[in-house]
Structure formats: C-alpha cells, structure tokens
Amino acid sequence: MPTLFRFVITLCILAALGYGAMLALVILVEPRTAEMSERIPPDRMNIQNQ
C-alpha cells in the first residue's frame, strides 16, 4: 500500500506542476496580434468549369 500511495502522490504533484505551468503561461504570456495577408495568384481566382 505505501508504494501505491507514493505513486498517487507523485502523480498529483506532477499534475499540480503541469497545472501551474499552464496557469503561468496564461497569466504571463501576452499574445501579439497583427493583421495577416496572403497574396493569391490571379490564375487561382479564375476557376473555370470543365
């Protein structure tokens, strides 16, 4: 039983560390917003039925 208890505690600690890392990313990292544009060649715009 002590081995199972130690295993469960280890899993809980790893889960708490993962949760803390995700929470830190949400709080500390600010996303950059920018407009995106992509040129489309004119030959792809003219779709002809065959």
N, C-alpha and C. Protein backbone atom coordinates (compact mmCIF):
# COMPACT_ATOMS: atom_id res chain seq x y z
N MET A 1 0.81 -1.21 0.00
CA MET A 1 0.00 0.00 0.00
C MET A 1 0.86 1.27 0.00
N PRO A 2 1.98 1.33 0.71
CA PRO A 2 2.79 2.55 0.67
C PRO A 2 3.30 2.88 -0.74
N THR A 3 3.58 1.85 -1.55
CA THR A 3 4.05 2.09 -2.90
C THR A 3 2.95 2.73 -3.74
N LEU A 4 1.72 2.25 -3.61
CA LEU A 4 0.60 2.83 -4.34
C LEU A 4 0.36 4.27 -3.88
N PHE A 5 0.43 4.50 -2.58
CA PHE A 5 0.23 5.84 -2.04
C PHE A 5 1.30 6.79 -2.58
N ARG A 6 2.54 6.36 -2.61
CA ARG A 6 3.63 7.18 -3.13
C ARG A 6 3.43 7.47 -4.62
N PHE A 7 2.96 6.48 -5.37
CA PHE A 7 2.69 6.65 -6.80
C PHE A 7 1.59 7.68 -7.02
N VAL A 8 0.51 7.61 -6.25
CA VAL A 8 -0.60 8.55 -6.40
C VAL A 8 -0.15 9.96 -6.02
N ILE A 9 0.62 10.09 -4.96
CA ILE A 9 1.13 11.40 -4.56
C ILE A 9 2.03 11.97 -5.65
N THR A 10 2.89 11.13 -6.25
CA THR A 10 3.76 11.58 -7.33
C THR A 10 2.95 12.07 -8.52
N LEU A 11 1.89 11.35 -8.88
CA LEU A 11 1.03 11.77 -9.98
C LEU A 11 0.34 13.09 -9.66
N CYS A 12 -0.10 13.27 -8.43
CA CYS A 12 -0.75 14.52 -8.03
C CYS A 12 0.23 15.70 -8.10
N ILE A 13 1.45 15.46 -7.69
CA ILE A 13 2.46 16.53 -7.75
C ILE A 13 2.77 16.89 -9.20
N LEU A 14 2.90 15.90 -10.07
CA LEU A 14 3.14 16.17 -11.49
C LEU A 14 1.97 16.91 -12.12
N ALA A 15 0.75 16.54 -11.75
CA ALA A 15 -0.43 17.23 -12.28
C ALA A 15 -0.47 18.68 -11.79
N ALA A 16 -0.12 18.90 -10.53
CA ALA A 16 -0.09 20.26 -9.99
C ALA A 16 0.98 21.10 -10.68
N LEU A 17 2.13 20.53 -10.98
CA LEU A 17 3.17 21.25 -11.70
C LEU A 17 2.72 21.60 -13.12
N GLY A 18 2.07 20.68 -13.78
CA GLY A 18 1.54 20.94 -15.13
C GLY A 18 0.48 22.02 -15.11
N TYR A 19 -0.41 21.95 -14.13
CA TYR A 19 -1.45 22.96 -14.00
C TYR A 19 -0.83 24.33 -13.70
N GLY A 20 0.18 24.37 -12.85
CA GLY A 20 0.86 25.62 -12.53
C GLY A 20 1.56 26.20 -13.74
N ALA A 21 2.16 25.35 -14.57
CA ALA A 21 2.83 25.82 -15.78
C ALA A 21 1.82 26.42 -16.76
N MET A 22 0.68 25.77 -16.92
CA MET A 22 -0.35 26.31 -17.80
C MET A 22 -0.90 27.63 -17.27
N LEU A 23 -1.10 27.71 -15.98
CA LEU A 23 -1.59 28.94 -15.37
C LEU A 23 -0.59 30.08 -15.54
N ALA A 24 0.70 29.77 -15.39
CA ALA A 24 1.74 30.78 -15.58
C ALA A 24 1.76 31.27 -17.03
N LEU A 25 1.58 30.36 -17.98
CA LEU A 25 1.53 30.76 -19.38
C LEU A 25 0.35 31.68 -19.66
N VAL A 26 -0.80 31.38 -19.07
CA VAL A 26 -1.99 32.21 -19.28
C VAL A 26 -1.79 33.60 -18.70
N ILE A 27 -1.17 33.68 -17.55
CA ILE A 27 -1.03 34.97 -16.87
C ILE A 27 0.14 35.78 -17.44
N LEU A 28 1.26 35.16 -17.70
CA LEU A 28 2.47 35.90 -18.03
C LEU A 28 2.69 36.16 -19.51
N VAL A 29 2.14 35.32 -20.40
CA VAL A 29 2.41 35.47 -21.82
C VAL A 29 1.27 36.26 -22.47
N GLU A 30 1.64 37.35 -23.13
CA GLU A 30 0.66 38.19 -23.82
C GLU A 30 0.77 37.93 -25.32
N PRO A 31 -0.32 37.52 -25.96
CA PRO A 31 -0.24 37.22 -27.40
C PRO A 31 -0.08 38.50 -28.22
N ARG A 32 0.64 38.39 -29.32
CA ARG A 32 0.81 39.51 -30.25
C ARG A 32 -0.27 39.40 -31.33
N THR A 33 -0.97 40.48 -31.56
CA THR A 33 -1.98 40.48 -32.62
C THR A 33 -1.46 41.31 -33.78
N ALA A 34 -1.67 40.81 -34.98
CA ALA A 34 -1.24 41.51 -36.18
C ALA A 34 -2.13 41.07 -37.33
N GLU A 35 -2.28 41.97 -38.28
CA GLU A 35 -3.07 41.62 -39.46
C GLU A 35 -2.24 40.71 -40.35
N MET A 36 -2.93 39.77 -40.96
CA MET A 36 -2.27 38.85 -41.87
C MET A 36 -2.86 39.02 -43.26
N SER A 37 -2.01 38.95 -44.26
CA SER A 37 -2.49 38.98 -45.64
C SER A 37 -1.65 38.01 -46.45
N GLU A 38 -2.28 37.42 -47.43
CA GLU A 38 -1.59 36.46 -48.28
C GLU A 38 -2.00 36.73 -49.72
N ARG A 39 -1.01 36.84 -50.58
CA ARG A 39 -1.29 37.09 -51.99
C ARG A 39 -1.74 35.79 -52.66
N ILE A 40 -2.80 35.91 -53.44
CA ILE A 40 -3.31 34.78 -54.20
C ILE A 40 -3.07 35.09 -55.67
N PRO A 41 -2.43 34.18 -56.38
CA PRO A 41 -2.17 34.44 -57.81
C PRO A 41 -3.49 34.57 -58.57
N PRO A 42 -3.53 35.45 -59.58
CA PRO A 42 -4.77 35.66 -60.33
C PRO A 42 -5.28 34.40 -61.02
N ASP A 43 -4.39 33.51 -61.43
CA ASP A 43 -4.85 32.30 -62.12
C ASP A 43 -5.63 31.37 -61.19
N ARG A 44 -5.43 31.49 -59.89
CA ARG A 44 -6.22 30.67 -58.97
C ARG A 44 -7.59 31.28 -58.70
N MET A 45 -7.75 32.56 -59.02
CA MET A 45 -9.03 33.22 -58.79
C MET A 45 -10.04 32.88 -59.87
N ASN A 46 -9.59 32.63 -61.10
CA ASN A 46 -10.47 32.36 -62.22
C ASN A 46 -10.68 30.85 -62.34
N ILE A 47 -11.65 30.34 -61.63
CA ILE A 47 -11.94 28.91 -61.68
C ILE A 47 -12.96 28.68 -62.81
N GLN A 48 -12.57 27.85 -63.75
CA GLN A 48 -13.45 27.57 -64.88
C GLN A 48 -13.98 26.15 -64.78
N ASN A 49 -15.25 25.98 -65.06
CA ASN A 49 -15.85 24.64 -65.06
C ASN A 49 -15.41 23.90 -66.31
N GLN A 50 -15.04 22.66 -66.13
CA GLN A 50 -14.59 21.88 -67.29
C GLN A 50 -15.67 20.96 -67.75
